[in-house]
Protein backbone atom coordinates (compact mmCIF):
# COMPACT_ATOMS: atom_id res chain seq x y z
CA MET A 1 -11.32 -7.23 -28.83
CA GLY A 2 -13.01 -8.00 -25.53
CA TYR A 3 -11.33 -11.82 -25.67
CA LYS A 4 -7.91 -10.17 -25.59
CA ILE A 5 -8.93 -7.24 -22.94
CA ILE A 6 -9.94 -10.45 -20.65
CA VAL A 7 -6.67 -12.23 -21.64
CA PHE A 8 -4.61 -9.27 -20.50
CA VAL A 9 -6.14 -8.86 -17.20
CA VAL A 10 -5.78 -12.26 -16.23
CA ALA A 11 -2.13 -12.33 -17.40
CA LEU A 12 -1.50 -9.42 -15.22
CA SER A 13 -3.26 -10.99 -12.18
CA LEU A 14 -1.02 -13.96 -12.52
CA VAL A 15 2.31 -12.06 -12.74
CA TYR A 16 1.29 -9.47 -10.19
CA SER A 17 0.17 -12.74 -7.57
CA THR A 18 3.36 -14.63 -8.19
CA SER A 19 5.31 -11.61 -7.01
CA ALA A 20 3.26 -10.37 -4.38
CA ILE A 21 4.47 -10.37 -0.64
CA PRO A 22 1.78 -11.09 2.00
CA GLY A 23 1.42 -8.55 4.50
CA LYS A 24 -0.44 -6.33 7.14
CA ALA A 25 -1.69 -2.39 6.38
CA SER A 26 -3.24 -0.08 8.68
CA PHE A 27 -3.94 3.74 8.37
CA TYR A 28 -3.13 7.01 9.98
CA THR A 29 -4.93 10.27 9.51
CA LYS A 30 -2.24 12.65 11.56
CA SER A 31 0.28 13.80 8.68
CA ILE A 32 4.14 14.23 10.53
CA PRO A 33 7.18 15.68 8.92
CA SER A 34 8.10 12.89 6.22
CA ALA A 35 11.30 10.95 7.34
CA CYS A 36 12.17 11.13 3.63
CA TYR A 37 11.71 14.51 2.75
CA LYS A 38 11.45 16.60 6.14
CA ASN A 39 8.94 19.54 5.70
CA GLU A 40 8.81 19.47 2.20
CA THR A 41 4.99 19.20 0.61
CA GLN A 42 4.79 15.71 -1.22
CA GLU A 43 2.32 15.67 -4.19
CA GLY A 44 -0.80 13.53 -3.54
CA ASN A 45 -2.21 12.07 -0.89
CA MET A 46 -1.76 8.36 -2.03
CA VAL A 47 1.16 7.84 0.54
CA ALA A 48 2.89 5.21 3.17
CA SER A 49 4.87 5.26 5.88
CA VAL A 50 6.73 1.44 6.31
CA GLY A 51 7.52 -0.41 9.08
CA ASP A 52 11.33 -1.46 10.14
CA SER A 53 11.34 -4.38 8.17
CA LEU A 54 10.99 -2.62 4.85
CA TRP A 55 12.58 0.62 5.98
CA ASN A 56 16.24 -0.42 5.40
CA ASN A 57 18.00 3.04 6.53
CA GLY A 58 15.75 5.00 3.87
CA THR A 59 16.17 3.01 0.77
CA ILE A 60 12.90 2.70 -0.12
CA CYS A 61 12.29 6.21 0.21
CA GLY A 62 10.10 7.53 -2.43
CA LYS A 63 9.73 4.39 -4.09
CA LYS A 64 6.20 3.01 -5.29
CA ILE A 65 4.26 0.48 -3.72
CA GLN A 66 0.92 -1.20 -5.00
CA VAL A 67 -0.92 -2.91 -2.35
CA ARG A 68 -3.92 -4.70 -2.92
CA CYS A 69 -6.36 -5.89 0.39
CA THR A 70 -7.29 -9.52 0.76
CA ALA A 71 -8.72 -9.59 4.25
CA ALA A 72 -11.70 -11.80 4.41
CA LYS A 73 -13.41 -8.54 5.77
CA GLY A 74 -13.42 -4.91 4.60
CA CYS A 75 -12.00 -5.17 1.12
CA LYS A 76 -13.59 -3.40 -1.78
CA GLY A 77 -13.62 -5.99 -3.91
CA SER A 78 -10.24 -6.60 -5.48
CA LYS A 79 -8.69 -3.27 -6.02
CA MET A 80 -5.52 -2.20 -6.15
CA VAL A 81 -3.70 1.14 -4.55
CA THR A 82 -0.34 2.42 -5.72
CA VAL A 83 1.18 4.73 -2.81
CA LYS A 84 4.69 6.39 -2.25
CA VAL A 85 6.54 5.52 0.56
CA ILE A 86 7.42 8.96 2.37
CA ALA A 87 8.16 7.83 6.01
CA HIS A 88 9.49 5.33 8.27
CA CYS A 89 6.57 4.53 10.69
CA ILE A 90 8.79 2.97 13.87
CA GLY A 91 7.83 0.27 15.62
CA CYS A 92 5.47 -1.35 13.02
CA GLY A 93 7.26 -4.21 12.08
CA PRO A 94 6.50 -5.59 8.59
CA ARG A 95 3.17 -3.21 9.07
CA ILE A 96 2.77 -0.38 6.04
CA ASN A 97 1.16 2.53 7.30
CA LEU A 98 -1.37 4.14 4.03
CA SER A 99 -2.58 7.20 4.30
CA TYR A 100 -6.31 7.48 5.07
CA SER A 101 -7.25 8.37 1.28
CA ALA A 102 -5.26 5.10 -0.09
CA PHE A 103 -6.40 3.16 2.70
CA THR A 104 -10.21 3.95 1.94
CA SER A 105 -9.71 3.67 -1.60
CA ILE A 106 -9.37 -0.27 -1.13
CA VAL A 107 -11.20 -0.76 2.20
CA ASN A 108 -14.41 -0.13 3.54
CA ILE A 109 -13.47 1.62 6.98
CA ASP A 110 -16.66 0.60 8.97
CA GLU A 111 -15.50 -3.01 8.66
CA ALA A 112 -11.19 -3.25 9.25
CA ILE A 113 -8.71 -0.84 10.47
CA ILE A 114 -6.05 -3.36 10.30
CA ILE A 115 -6.14 -5.82 7.13
CA ASP A 116 -4.42 -8.80 5.47
CA ILE A 117 -2.39 -7.36 2.15
CA ASP A 118 -0.25 -8.24 -0.58
CA TYR A 119 2.11 -5.61 -1.44
CA GLN A 120 4.68 -5.37 -4.48
CA LEU A 121 7.47 -2.87 -4.52
CA LEU A 122 7.46 -1.36 -7.85
């Protein structure tokens, strides 16, 4: 049984790594009205805003992104976090801005504030 679980995890890692896109991520702490949902409150705090290259006139609103820290320093192992896109980070270019809760779930905040990531649109 244990062998099957290990094989499944390895296979899942291979699928993720072949479709993951390299990028950068940072975090924000101050909530602003969401470009996707205006003043509506969104459930949960695992959310993100995306830069211009992912925004695509808002077609990414509500979509989920799986993010894994790949930085040389600051990552909490190989943890991943799944976030819901709720906003546009104007001027951020290709960067993904994670909520503080999402960022600190995969990064030691004392060691890094902008990190290398791999991400995948779900």
